[in-house]
């Protein structure tokens, strides 16, 4: 099953990077670094949400409806001409509000401190990324016949990948900050303790996922 490394290095990821870069006014290299840190945060937040029946039902409903993957069929058009439309950004803002809640500014600031990209640009990149990530999950949900929270939890876990212990600090520092095995207990601390990316998608993703 495709993980985040495959996603960002593949055609969807490259198109996403181009669109988010144009919208945020940042280089594609910096945008890729932001996304390689931000996507695990968003997926971890989803993994946290599906631990409850209500959260699982909400995510499954979104993935079977509006976010079933149709956005991927028109991704090139959406990401061209200076980046995605306001409709896409509004959709992304809604997704982020649901996933991160009051932690969103802290996440943006933490990502900013680790990547050197200003928080305002981080916010734009996240808004572009969220609907695309939901579309990818919608497609994966269909392809893997995921129908409940348990299946979604397994799907998200497989996409987050099994990192060697030495490469887990970026994700686990935040996703399980109190060591109780419950992912994303403290979203805002996710990037604490991680070193700044070496530049370019390959270097940072290699550090994240051990590939």
N, C-alpha and C. Protein backbone atom coordinates (compact mmCIF):
# COMPACT_ATOMS: atom_id res chain seq x y z
N UNK A 1 0.85 -1.20 0.00
CA UNK A 1 0.00 0.00 0.00
C UNK A 1 0.88 1.25 0.00
N UNK A 2 0.47 2.22 -0.74
CA UNK A 2 1.28 3.43 -0.87
C UNK A 2 1.39 4.17 0.46
N UNK A 3 2.60 4.58 0.79
CA UNK A 3 2.82 5.39 1.96
C UNK A 3 3.01 6.84 1.57
N UNK A 4 3.34 7.66 2.55
CA UNK A 4 3.50 9.09 2.28
C UNK A 4 4.69 9.37 1.37
N UNK A 5 5.75 8.59 1.49
CA UNK A 5 6.90 8.79 0.62
C UNK A 5 6.50 8.59 -0.84
N UNK A 6 5.78 7.51 -1.11
CA UNK A 6 5.33 7.24 -2.47
C UNK A 6 4.38 8.32 -2.95
N UNK A 7 3.52 8.77 -2.07
CA UNK A 7 2.54 9.79 -2.44
C UNK A 7 3.24 11.09 -2.86
N UNK A 8 4.16 11.57 -2.04
CA UNK A 8 4.79 12.85 -2.33
C UNK A 8 5.78 12.77 -3.48
N UNK A 9 6.37 11.61 -3.70
CA UNK A 9 7.32 11.47 -4.80
C UNK A 9 6.63 11.11 -6.11
N UNK A 10 5.34 10.78 -6.05
CA UNK A 10 4.61 10.39 -7.23
C UNK A 10 3.96 11.57 -7.93
N UNK A 11 3.21 11.30 -8.99
CA UNK A 11 2.57 12.37 -9.77
C UNK A 11 1.64 13.25 -8.94
N UNK A 12 0.84 12.65 -8.05
CA UNK A 12 -0.08 13.44 -7.23
C UNK A 12 0.72 14.38 -6.33
N UNK A 13 1.75 13.86 -5.69
CA UNK A 13 2.55 14.69 -4.80
C UNK A 13 3.24 15.83 -5.52
N UNK A 14 3.78 15.54 -6.69
CA UNK A 14 4.48 16.59 -7.44
C UNK A 14 3.52 17.69 -7.87
N UNK A 15 2.31 17.29 -8.29
CA UNK A 15 1.31 18.28 -8.67
C UNK A 15 0.87 19.09 -7.45
N UNK A 16 0.69 18.42 -6.32
CA UNK A 16 0.34 19.09 -5.07
C UNK A 16 1.42 20.09 -4.68
N UNK A 17 2.66 19.68 -4.75
CA UNK A 17 3.77 20.57 -4.39
C UNK A 17 3.77 21.81 -5.28
N UNK A 18 3.57 21.61 -6.57
CA UNK A 18 3.56 22.75 -7.50
C UNK A 18 2.43 23.72 -7.17
N UNK A 19 1.24 23.19 -6.93
CA UNK A 19 0.09 24.04 -6.63
C UNK A 19 0.23 24.77 -5.31
N UNK A 20 0.67 24.05 -4.28
CA UNK A 20 0.84 24.66 -2.96
C UNK A 20 1.96 25.69 -2.99
N UNK A 21 3.01 25.40 -3.73
CA UNK A 21 4.12 26.34 -3.86
C UNK A 21 3.66 27.64 -4.49
N UNK A 22 2.87 27.53 -5.57
CA UNK A 22 2.38 28.73 -6.25
C UNK A 22 1.45 29.55 -5.36
N UNK A 23 0.58 28.85 -4.64
CA UNK A 23 -0.38 29.56 -3.78
C UNK A 23 0.31 30.23 -2.60
N UNK A 24 1.32 29.58 -2.05
CA UNK A 24 1.99 30.12 -0.86
C UNK A 24 3.13 31.07 -1.20
N UNK A 25 3.55 31.08 -2.46
CA UNK A 25 4.67 31.93 -2.84
C UNK A 25 6.00 31.44 -2.31
N UNK A 26 6.14 30.13 -2.16
CA UNK A 26 7.36 29.53 -1.65
C UNK A 26 7.98 28.63 -2.72
N UNK A 27 9.26 28.33 -2.58
CA UNK A 27 9.91 27.44 -3.53
C UNK A 27 9.33 26.03 -3.40
N UNK A 28 9.46 25.26 -4.48
CA UNK A 28 8.95 23.89 -4.42
C UNK A 28 9.71 23.04 -3.41
N UNK A 29 11.01 23.33 -3.25
CA UNK A 29 11.78 22.59 -2.26
C UNK A 29 11.29 22.85 -0.84
N UNK A 30 11.07 24.12 -0.51
CA UNK A 30 10.56 24.45 0.82
C UNK A 30 9.16 23.91 1.02
N UNK A 31 8.34 23.99 -0.01
CA UNK A 31 6.97 23.48 0.08
C UNK A 31 6.98 21.98 0.31
N UNK A 32 7.86 21.27 -0.38
CA UNK A 32 7.98 19.82 -0.19
C UNK A 32 8.39 19.49 1.23
N UNK A 33 9.31 20.26 1.79
CA UNK A 33 9.73 20.02 3.17
C UNK A 33 8.56 20.21 4.14
N UNK A 34 7.80 21.26 3.93
CA UNK A 34 6.64 21.51 4.78
C UNK A 34 5.65 20.35 4.68
N UNK A 35 5.36 19.93 3.47
CA UNK A 35 4.37 18.86 3.28
C UNK A 35 4.84 17.54 3.89
N UNK A 36 6.14 17.28 3.82
CA UNK A 36 6.63 16.02 4.36
C UNK A 36 6.53 15.97 5.88
N UNK A 37 6.47 17.13 6.52
CA UNK A 37 6.21 17.18 7.96
C UNK A 37 4.71 17.27 8.25
N UNK A 38 4.00 18.02 7.41
CA UNK A 38 2.60 18.32 7.70
C UNK A 38 1.67 17.14 7.44
N UNK A 39 1.91 16.37 6.38
CA UNK A 39 1.00 15.28 6.08
C UNK A 39 0.92 14.23 7.18
N UNK A 40 2.07 13.87 7.83
CA UNK A 40 1.94 12.95 8.97
C UNK A 40 1.12 13.54 10.11
N UNK A 41 1.20 14.87 10.31
CA UNK A 41 0.39 15.50 11.35
C UNK A 41 -1.10 15.31 11.03
N UNK A 42 -1.47 15.60 9.79
CA UNK A 42 -2.88 15.51 9.42
C UNK A 42 -3.37 14.07 9.48
N UNK A 43 -2.57 13.14 9.01
CA UNK A 43 -2.97 11.73 9.06
C UNK A 43 -3.03 11.24 10.49
N UNK A 44 -2.09 11.71 11.32
CA UNK A 44 -2.14 11.34 12.73
C UNK A 44 -3.39 11.86 13.41
N UNK A 45 -3.81 13.07 13.02
CA UNK A 45 -5.04 13.63 13.57
C UNK A 45 -6.24 12.79 13.16
N UNK A 46 -6.25 12.33 11.93
CA UNK A 46 -7.33 11.46 11.48
C UNK A 46 -7.31 10.15 12.26
N UNK A 47 -6.12 9.62 12.48
CA UNK A 47 -5.99 8.37 13.22
C UNK A 47 -6.52 8.53 14.65
N UNK A 48 -6.26 9.70 15.22
CA UNK A 48 -6.79 9.99 16.55
C UNK A 48 -8.32 10.02 16.51
N UNK A 49 -8.86 10.68 15.48
CA UNK A 49 -10.31 10.83 15.39
C UNK A 49 -11.04 9.51 15.25
N UNK A 50 -10.47 8.56 14.52
CA UNK A 50 -11.19 7.30 14.29
C UNK A 50 -11.16 6.37 15.49
N UNK A 51 -10.52 6.80 16.58
CA UNK A 51 -10.54 5.99 17.80
C UNK A 51 -11.91 6.00 18.46
N UNK A 52 -12.75 6.97 18.11
CA UNK A 52 -14.10 7.02 18.66
C UNK A 52 -15.10 6.67 17.56
N UNK A 53 -16.23 6.05 17.91
CA UNK A 53 -17.24 5.72 16.90
C UNK A 53 -17.73 6.95 16.14
N UNK A 54 -17.88 8.05 16.87
CA UNK A 54 -18.37 9.28 16.22
C UNK A 54 -17.36 9.80 15.21
N UNK A 55 -16.09 9.81 15.62
CA UNK A 55 -15.05 10.29 14.73
C UNK A 55 -14.89 9.41 13.51
N UNK A 56 -14.96 8.10 13.73
CA UNK A 56 -14.84 7.16 12.61
C UNK A 56 -15.99 7.34 11.63
N UNK A 57 -17.20 7.50 12.16
CA UNK A 57 -18.37 7.66 11.30
C UNK A 57 -18.28 8.96 10.50
N UNK A 58 -17.79 10.01 11.14
CA UNK A 58 -17.65 11.29 10.46
C UNK A 58 -16.65 11.22 9.32
N UNK A 59 -15.50 10.61 9.57
CA UNK A 59 -14.48 10.51 8.53
C UNK A 59 -14.93 9.59 7.41
N UNK A 60 -15.53 8.45 7.76
CA UNK A 60 -16.00 7.54 6.73
C UNK A 60 -17.07 8.19 5.86
N UNK A 61 -17.92 8.98 6.50
CA UNK A 61 -18.95 9.67 5.74
C UNK A 61 -18.38 10.66 4.75
N UNK A 62 -17.36 11.39 5.19
CA UNK A 62 -16.72 12.37 4.30
C UNK A 62 -16.02 11.68 3.14
N UNK A 63 -15.37 10.55 3.44
CA UNK A 63 -14.61 9.85 2.40
C UNK A 63 -15.50 9.13 1.40
N UNK A 64 -16.71 8.83 1.80
CA UNK A 64 -17.62 8.16 0.87
C UNK A 64 -18.47 9.17 0.10
N UNK A 65 -18.41 10.44 0.52
CA UNK A 65 -19.20 11.48 -0.13
C UNK A 65 -18.33 12.47 -0.87
N UNK A 66 -18.26 13.67 -0.33
CA UNK A 66 -17.55 14.76 -1.00
C UNK A 66 -16.09 14.45 -1.27
N UNK A 67 -15.46 13.69 -0.38
CA UNK A 67 -14.02 13.45 -0.49
C UNK A 67 -13.71 12.01 -0.91
N UNK A 68 -14.49 11.52 -1.86
CA UNK A 68 -14.30 10.14 -2.31
C UNK A 68 -13.14 9.98 -3.28
N UNK A 69 -12.52 11.08 -3.67
CA UNK A 69 -11.35 11.00 -4.54
C UNK A 69 -11.49 11.71 -5.87
N UNK A 70 -12.66 12.30 -6.12
CA UNK A 70 -12.88 12.99 -7.39
C UNK A 70 -11.91 14.11 -7.66
N UNK A 71 -11.42 14.75 -6.59
CA UNK A 71 -10.49 15.86 -6.76
C UNK A 71 -9.22 15.42 -7.50
N UNK A 72 -8.85 14.16 -7.35
CA UNK A 72 -7.63 13.68 -7.99
C UNK A 72 -7.76 13.64 -9.50
N UNK A 73 -8.98 13.49 -10.01
CA UNK A 73 -9.21 13.41 -11.45
C UNK A 73 -9.02 14.75 -12.14
N UNK A 74 -9.09 15.83 -11.37
CA UNK A 74 -8.94 17.16 -11.94
C UNK A 74 -7.81 17.94 -11.27
N UNK A 75 -6.88 17.20 -10.68
CA UNK A 75 -5.85 17.83 -9.85
C UNK A 75 -4.98 18.77 -10.67
N UNK A 76 -4.61 18.35 -11.88
CA UNK A 76 -3.75 19.20 -12.69
C UNK A 76 -4.37 20.54 -12.98
N UNK A 77 -5.67 20.54 -13.30
CA UNK A 77 -6.36 21.80 -13.57
C UNK A 77 -6.49 22.64 -12.31
N UNK A 78 -6.78 21.98 -11.18
CA UNK A 78 -6.96 22.71 -9.93
C UNK A 78 -5.66 23.37 -9.46
N UNK A 79 -4.55 22.70 -9.69
CA UNK A 79 -3.28 23.19 -9.17
C UNK A 79 -2.56 24.12 -10.14
N UNK A 80 -3.07 24.27 -11.34
CA UNK A 80 -2.43 25.12 -12.33
C UNK A 80 -2.84 26.58 -12.20
N UNK A 81 -2.27 27.41 -13.04
CA UNK A 81 -2.64 28.83 -13.11
C UNK A 81 -2.54 29.55 -11.76
N UNK A 82 -1.40 29.39 -11.12
CA UNK A 82 -1.17 30.12 -9.87
C UNK A 82 -1.66 29.44 -8.62
N UNK A 83 -2.07 28.21 -8.74
CA UNK A 83 -2.51 27.47 -7.56
C UNK A 83 -4.00 27.29 -7.52
N UNK A 84 -4.50 26.54 -6.55
CA UNK A 84 -5.92 26.19 -6.48
C UNK A 84 -6.82 27.39 -6.20
N UNK A 85 -8.11 27.18 -6.48
CA UNK A 85 -9.11 28.23 -6.32
C UNK A 85 -9.46 28.45 -4.85
N UNK A 86 -10.21 29.52 -4.61
CA UNK A 86 -10.66 29.80 -3.25
C UNK A 86 -11.56 28.70 -2.72
N UNK A 87 -12.31 28.04 -3.60
CA UNK A 87 -13.19 26.95 -3.15
C UNK A 87 -12.37 25.82 -2.53
N UNK A 88 -11.25 25.50 -3.17
CA UNK A 88 -10.38 24.44 -2.64
C UNK A 88 -9.81 24.86 -1.29
N UNK A 89 -9.39 26.12 -1.20
CA UNK A 89 -8.82 26.61 0.06
C UNK A 89 -9.86 26.63 1.18
N UNK A 90 -11.08 27.01 0.86
CA UNK A 90 -12.15 27.01 1.86
C UNK A 90 -12.44 25.60 2.34
N UNK A 91 -12.44 24.66 1.42
CA UNK A 91 -12.63 23.26 1.78
C UNK A 91 -11.50 22.81 2.69
N UNK A 92 -10.27 23.18 2.33
CA UNK A 92 -9.13 22.81 3.16
C UNK A 92 -9.19 23.41 4.54
N UNK A 93 -9.63 24.65 4.63
CA UNK A 93 -9.75 25.31 5.93
C UNK A 93 -10.74 24.57 6.82
N UNK A 94 -11.83 24.10 6.23
CA UNK A 94 -12.83 23.36 7.00
C UNK A 94 -12.28 22.04 7.51
N UNK A 95 -11.54 21.35 6.64
CA UNK A 95 -10.94 20.08 7.04
C UNK A 95 -9.95 20.29 8.18
N UNK A 96 -9.10 21.30 8.05
CA UNK A 96 -8.10 21.57 9.09
C UNK A 96 -8.75 21.93 10.41
N UNK A 97 -9.82 22.72 10.34
CA UNK A 97 -10.52 23.09 11.56
C UNK A 97 -11.06 21.88 12.29
N UNK A 98 -11.55 20.92 11.52
CA UNK A 98 -12.11 19.70 12.11
C UNK A 98 -11.00 18.82 12.70
N UNK A 99 -9.90 18.70 11.98
CA UNK A 99 -8.84 17.80 12.40
C UNK A 99 -7.99 18.36 13.54
N UNK A 100 -7.63 19.63 13.44
CA UNK A 100 -6.67 20.21 14.38
C UNK A 100 -7.31 21.08 15.45
N UNK A 101 -8.49 21.62 15.16
CA UNK A 101 -9.18 22.46 16.14
C UNK A 101 -8.31 23.61 16.61
N UNK A 102 -8.31 23.84 17.90
CA UNK A 102 -7.57 24.95 18.47
C UNK A 102 -6.07 24.81 18.40
N UNK A 103 -5.59 23.60 18.04
CA UNK A 103 -4.14 23.40 17.93
C UNK A 103 -3.57 23.89 16.61
N UNK A 104 -4.43 24.30 15.67
CA UNK A 104 -3.94 24.64 14.34
C UNK A 104 -2.86 25.72 14.34
N UNK A 105 -3.04 26.85 15.06
CA UNK A 105 -1.96 27.86 15.06
C UNK A 105 -0.65 27.33 15.62
N UNK A 106 -0.73 26.48 16.64
CA UNK A 106 0.48 25.92 17.22
C UNK A 106 1.19 25.01 16.23
N UNK A 107 0.42 24.23 15.49
CA UNK A 107 1.00 23.36 14.47
C UNK A 107 1.69 24.19 13.40
N UNK A 108 1.01 25.25 12.94
CA UNK A 108 1.60 26.12 11.91
C UNK A 108 2.89 26.76 12.40
N UNK A 109 2.89 27.23 13.63
CA UNK A 109 4.09 27.86 14.18
C UNK A 109 5.23 26.87 14.37
N UNK A 110 4.87 25.65 14.80
CA UNK A 110 5.90 24.64 14.99
C UNK A 110 6.52 24.23 13.66
N UNK A 111 5.68 24.05 12.65
CA UNK A 111 6.20 23.73 11.32
C UNK A 111 7.06 24.86 10.78
N UNK A 112 6.64 26.08 11.06
CA UNK A 112 7.41 27.25 10.61
C UNK A 112 8.79 27.27 11.25
N UNK A 113 8.86 26.97 12.53
CA UNK A 113 10.14 27.03 13.23
C UNK A 113 11.11 25.97 12.74
N UNK A 114 10.59 24.85 12.25
CA UNK A 114 11.45 23.76 11.81
C UNK A 114 11.81 23.85 10.34
N UNK A 115 11.01 24.54 9.54
CA UNK A 115 11.27 24.60 8.10
C UNK A 115 11.82 25.95 7.65
N UNK A 116 11.65 26.99 8.47
CA UNK A 116 12.06 28.31 8.07
C UNK A 116 11.08 29.02 7.16
N UNK A 117 9.93 28.39 6.94
CA UNK A 117 8.86 28.99 6.12
C UNK A 117 7.91 29.71 7.06
N UNK A 118 7.49 30.93 6.69
CA UNK A 118 6.65 31.70 7.61
C UNK A 118 5.30 31.02 7.82
N UNK A 119 4.71 31.28 8.98
CA UNK A 119 3.48 30.60 9.38
C UNK A 119 2.32 30.88 8.43
N UNK A 120 2.29 32.09 7.86
CA UNK A 120 1.23 32.40 6.91
C UNK A 120 1.29 31.52 5.67
N UNK A 121 2.50 31.27 5.19
CA UNK A 121 2.66 30.37 4.05
C UNK A 121 2.35 28.93 4.43
N UNK A 122 2.73 28.55 5.64
CA UNK A 122 2.39 27.20 6.14
C UNK A 122 0.89 27.00 6.09
N UNK A 123 0.14 28.01 6.54
CA UNK A 123 -1.32 27.90 6.56
C UNK A 123 -1.87 27.68 5.16
N UNK A 124 -1.31 28.40 4.17
CA UNK A 124 -1.77 28.24 2.79
C UNK A 124 -1.46 26.83 2.27
N UNK A 125 -0.27 26.35 2.56
CA UNK A 125 0.13 25.01 2.12
C UNK A 125 -0.78 23.95 2.71
N UNK A 126 -1.10 24.09 4.00
CA UNK A 126 -1.98 23.12 4.66
C UNK A 126 -3.38 23.12 4.04
N UNK A 127 -3.87 24.30 3.71
CA UNK A 127 -5.21 24.40 3.10
C UNK A 127 -5.26 23.72 1.74
N UNK A 128 -4.16 23.82 1.00
CA UNK A 128 -4.10 23.15 -0.31
C UNK A 128 -3.99 21.65 -0.13
N UNK A 129 -3.19 21.23 0.85
CA UNK A 129 -2.90 19.81 1.03
C UNK A 129 -4.08 19.01 1.57
N UNK A 130 -4.86 19.61 2.46
CA UNK A 130 -5.90 18.85 3.16
C UNK A 130 -6.92 18.20 2.22
N UNK A 131 -7.50 18.92 1.25
CA UNK A 131 -8.47 18.26 0.36
C UNK A 131 -7.84 17.17 -0.51
N UNK A 132 -6.57 17.38 -0.90
CA UNK A 132 -5.89 16.37 -1.72
C UNK A 132 -5.65 15.12 -0.90
N UNK A 133 -5.20 15.28 0.34
CA UNK A 133 -4.99 14.13 1.21
C UNK A 133 -6.30 13.38 1.44
N UNK A 134 -7.38 14.11 1.65
CA UNK A 134 -8.68 13.46 1.81
C UNK A 134 -9.07 12.68 0.56
N UNK A 135 -8.78 13.25 -0.61
CA UNK A 135 -9.07 12.56 -1.86
C UNK A 135 -8.28 11.27 -2.00
N UNK A 136 -7.00 11.32 -1.62
CA UNK A 136 -6.16 10.13 -1.66
C UNK A 136 -6.72 9.06 -0.72
N UNK A 137 -7.11 9.47 0.47
CA UNK A 137 -7.69 8.51 1.42
C UNK A 137 -9.02 7.96 0.92
N UNK A 138 -9.80 8.82 0.25
CA UNK A 138 -11.05 8.35 -0.31
C UNK A 138 -10.84 7.24 -1.32
N UNK A 139 -9.85 7.43 -2.19
CA UNK A 139 -9.51 6.40 -3.19
C UNK A 139 -9.02 5.13 -2.51
N UNK A 140 -8.14 5.30 -1.53
CA UNK A 140 -7.59 4.14 -0.82
C UNK A 140 -8.67 3.37 -0.08
N UNK A 141 -9.63 4.13 0.47
CA UNK A 141 -10.73 3.49 1.18
C UNK A 141 -11.52 2.58 0.25
N UNK A 142 -11.79 3.06 -0.96
CA UNK A 142 -12.52 2.26 -1.93
C UNK A 142 -11.70 1.05 -2.39
N UNK A 143 -10.44 1.30 -2.72
CA UNK A 143 -9.59 0.23 -3.26
C UNK A 143 -9.36 -0.89 -2.25
N UNK A 144 -9.36 -0.55 -0.97
CA UNK A 144 -9.09 -1.54 0.08
C UNK A 144 -10.35 -1.98 0.81
N UNK A 145 -11.50 -1.56 0.29
CA UNK A 145 -12.80 -1.97 0.87
C UNK A 145 -12.88 -1.69 2.36
N UNK A 146 -12.40 -0.51 2.76
CA UNK A 146 -12.48 -0.10 4.16
C UNK A 146 -13.90 0.37 4.46
N UNK A 147 -14.49 -0.19 5.50
CA UNK A 147 -15.88 0.13 5.79
C UNK A 147 -16.15 0.52 7.23
N UNK A 148 -15.12 0.54 8.07
CA UNK A 148 -15.34 0.89 9.47
C UNK A 148 -14.09 1.54 10.06
N UNK A 149 -14.22 1.98 11.30
CA UNK A 149 -13.13 2.67 11.95
C UNK A 149 -11.89 1.82 12.11
N UNK A 150 -12.07 0.54 12.37
CA UNK A 150 -10.92 -0.35 12.53
C UNK A 150 -10.12 -0.45 11.24
N UNK A 151 -10.84 -0.59 10.14
CA UNK A 151 -10.16 -0.65 8.84
C UNK A 151 -9.48 0.65 8.50
N UNK A 152 -10.13 1.77 8.84
CA UNK A 152 -9.53 3.07 8.57
C UNK A 152 -8.29 3.29 9.42
N UNK A 153 -8.34 2.85 10.66
CA UNK A 153 -7.19 2.96 11.54
C UNK A 153 -6.00 2.20 10.96
N UNK A 154 -6.26 1.01 10.44
CA UNK A 154 -5.20 0.20 9.85
C UNK A 154 -4.66 0.84 8.57
N UNK A 155 -5.56 1.41 7.76
CA UNK A 155 -5.15 2.07 6.52
C UNK A 155 -4.24 3.26 6.82
N UNK A 156 -4.66 4.09 7.76
CA UNK A 156 -3.86 5.26 8.12
C UNK A 156 -2.51 4.84 8.69
N UNK A 157 -2.52 3.80 9.51
CA UNK A 157 -1.27 3.32 10.09
C UNK A 157 -0.31 2.83 9.02
N UNK A 158 -0.83 2.14 8.02
CA UNK A 158 0.03 1.62 6.96
C UNK A 158 0.60 2.75 6.11
N UNK A 159 -0.18 3.81 5.90
CA UNK A 159 0.30 4.94 5.11
C UNK A 159 1.33 5.75 5.89
N UNK A 160 1.17 5.82 7.21
CA UNK A 160 2.16 6.51 8.04
C UNK A 160 3.47 5.73 8.06
N UNK A 161 3.37 4.42 7.89
CA UNK A 161 4.56 3.61 7.76
C UNK A 161 5.15 3.16 9.07
N UNK A 162 6.04 2.19 8.97
CA UNK A 162 6.73 1.69 10.16
C UNK A 162 8.17 2.16 10.14
N UNK A 163 8.41 3.25 10.81
CA UNK A 163 9.74 3.84 10.78
C UNK A 163 10.68 3.14 11.76
N UNK A 164 11.96 3.01 11.41
CA UNK A 164 12.95 2.56 12.40
C UNK A 164 12.95 3.51 13.58
N UNK A 165 13.33 3.00 14.74
CA UNK A 165 13.26 3.82 15.96
C UNK A 165 14.03 5.12 15.84
N UNK A 166 15.18 5.07 15.16
CA UNK A 166 15.98 6.29 15.08
C UNK A 166 15.35 7.35 14.20
N UNK A 167 14.32 6.99 13.43
CA UNK A 167 13.69 7.95 12.53
C UNK A 167 12.28 8.35 12.99
N UNK A 168 11.93 8.00 14.20
CA UNK A 168 10.57 8.24 14.66
C UNK A 168 10.38 9.57 15.38
N UNK A 169 11.46 10.29 15.68
CA UNK A 169 11.32 11.42 16.59
C UNK A 169 10.35 12.47 16.10
N UNK A 170 10.39 12.77 14.80
CA UNK A 170 9.51 13.82 14.29
C UNK A 170 8.05 13.48 14.50
N UNK A 171 7.71 12.24 14.22
CA UNK A 171 6.30 11.85 14.33
C UNK A 171 5.91 11.53 15.76
N UNK A 172 6.67 10.67 16.42
CA UNK A 172 6.22 10.17 17.72
C UNK A 172 6.34 11.19 18.84
N UNK A 173 7.22 12.15 18.71
CA UNK A 173 7.32 13.17 19.77
C UNK A 173 5.97 13.83 19.97
N UNK A 174 5.26 14.04 18.88
CA UNK A 174 3.95 14.65 18.98
C UNK A 174 2.83 13.63 19.05
N UNK A 175 2.91 12.63 18.20
CA UNK A 175 1.77 11.73 18.07
C UNK A 175 1.52 10.91 19.32
N UNK A 176 2.55 10.65 20.08
CA UNK A 176 2.36 9.92 21.34
C UNK A 176 3.22 10.55 22.41
N UNK A 177 2.94 11.81 22.69
CA UNK A 177 3.81 12.58 23.56
C UNK A 177 3.85 12.08 25.00
N UNK A 178 2.78 11.42 25.43
CA UNK A 178 2.80 10.95 26.82
C UNK A 178 3.10 9.46 26.92
N UNK A 179 3.45 8.84 25.77
CA UNK A 179 3.92 7.46 25.80
C UNK A 179 2.88 6.42 26.10
N UNK A 180 1.59 6.77 25.93
CA UNK A 180 0.57 5.80 26.29
C UNK A 180 0.08 4.99 25.10
N UNK A 181 0.71 5.19 23.94
CA UNK A 181 0.32 4.43 22.77
C UNK A 181 -0.85 5.00 22.01
N UNK A 182 -1.40 6.10 22.47
CA UNK A 182 -2.53 6.73 21.80
C UNK A 182 -2.00 7.84 20.91
N UNK A 183 -2.19 7.69 19.61
CA UNK A 183 -1.56 8.60 18.66
C UNK A 183 -2.16 10.00 18.72
N UNK A 184 -1.35 10.98 18.52
CA UNK A 184 -1.73 12.39 18.46
C UNK A 184 -2.36 12.91 19.74
N UNK A 185 -1.71 12.67 20.85
CA UNK A 185 -2.18 13.25 22.10
C UNK A 185 -1.86 14.73 22.18
N UNK A 186 -0.82 15.14 21.47
CA UNK A 186 -0.41 16.53 21.53
C UNK A 186 0.08 16.97 20.16
N UNK A 187 -0.84 17.40 19.32
CA UNK A 187 -0.49 17.75 17.95
C UNK A 187 0.61 18.79 17.89
N UNK A 188 0.52 19.80 18.71
CA UNK A 188 1.44 20.93 18.60
C UNK A 188 2.88 20.55 18.88
N UNK A 189 3.13 19.45 19.55
CA UNK A 189 4.50 19.06 19.85
C UNK A 189 5.11 18.15 18.82
N UNK A 190 4.44 17.92 17.71
CA UNK A 190 4.90 16.89 16.78
C UNK A 190 6.31 17.13 16.26
N UNK A 191 6.61 18.36 15.94
CA UNK A 191 7.90 18.61 15.31
C UNK A 191 8.98 18.98 16.31
N UNK A 192 8.66 18.95 17.58
CA UNK A 192 9.68 19.24 18.60
C UNK A 192 10.72 18.12 18.62
N UNK A 193 11.95 18.49 18.76
CA UNK A 193 12.99 17.49 18.86
C UNK A 193 13.46 16.96 17.54
N UNK A 194 12.89 17.44 16.44
CA UNK A 194 13.33 16.97 15.13
C UNK A 194 14.27 17.99 14.53
N UNK A 195 15.20 17.50 13.75
CA UNK A 195 16.15 18.41 13.11
C UNK A 195 15.53 19.01 11.87
N UNK A 196 16.00 20.18 11.51
CA UNK A 196 15.50 20.84 10.32
C UNK A 196 15.87 20.02 9.09
N UNK A 197 14.98 19.95 8.12
CA UNK A 197 15.22 19.18 6.91
C UNK A 197 16.47 19.62 6.19
N UNK A 198 17.10 18.68 5.49
CA UNK A 198 18.33 18.98 4.78
C UNK A 198 18.07 19.78 3.51
N UNK A 199 16.83 19.90 3.14
CA UNK A 199 16.51 20.61 1.91
C UNK A 199 16.12 19.62 0.83
N UNK A 200 14.98 19.87 0.20
CA UNK A 200 14.54 18.96 -0.84
C UNK A 200 13.75 17.82 -0.25
N UNK A 201 12.85 17.30 -1.03
CA UNK A 201 11.93 16.30 -0.51
C UNK A 201 12.62 15.00 -0.15
N UNK A 202 13.64 14.61 -0.93
CA UNK A 202 14.28 13.34 -0.68
C UNK A 202 14.97 13.29 0.67
N UNK A 203 15.72 14.34 1.03
CA UNK A 203 16.47 14.32 2.28
C UNK A 203 15.58 14.22 3.49
N UNK A 204 14.52 15.05 3.52
CA UNK A 204 13.67 15.05 4.70
C UNK A 204 12.81 13.80 4.79
N UNK A 205 12.27 13.38 3.65
CA UNK A 205 11.45 12.17 3.68
C UNK A 205 12.29 10.96 4.03
N UNK A 206 13.53 10.95 3.54
CA UNK A 206 14.39 9.84 3.90
C UNK A 206 14.60 9.76 5.39
N UNK A 207 14.75 10.92 6.03
CA UNK A 207 14.91 10.94 7.47
C UNK A 207 13.64 10.55 8.20
N UNK A 208 12.50 10.93 7.63
CA UNK A 208 11.23 10.63 8.27
C UNK A 208 10.90 9.15 8.22
N UNK A 209 11.07 8.58 7.06
CA UNK A 209 10.53 7.23 6.84
C UNK A 209 11.59 6.16 6.66
N UNK A 210 12.87 6.56 6.78
CA UNK A 210 13.91 5.56 6.73
C UNK A 210 14.07 4.91 5.38
N UNK A 211 13.72 5.63 4.32
CA UNK A 211 13.81 5.06 2.97
C UNK A 211 14.76 5.88 2.13
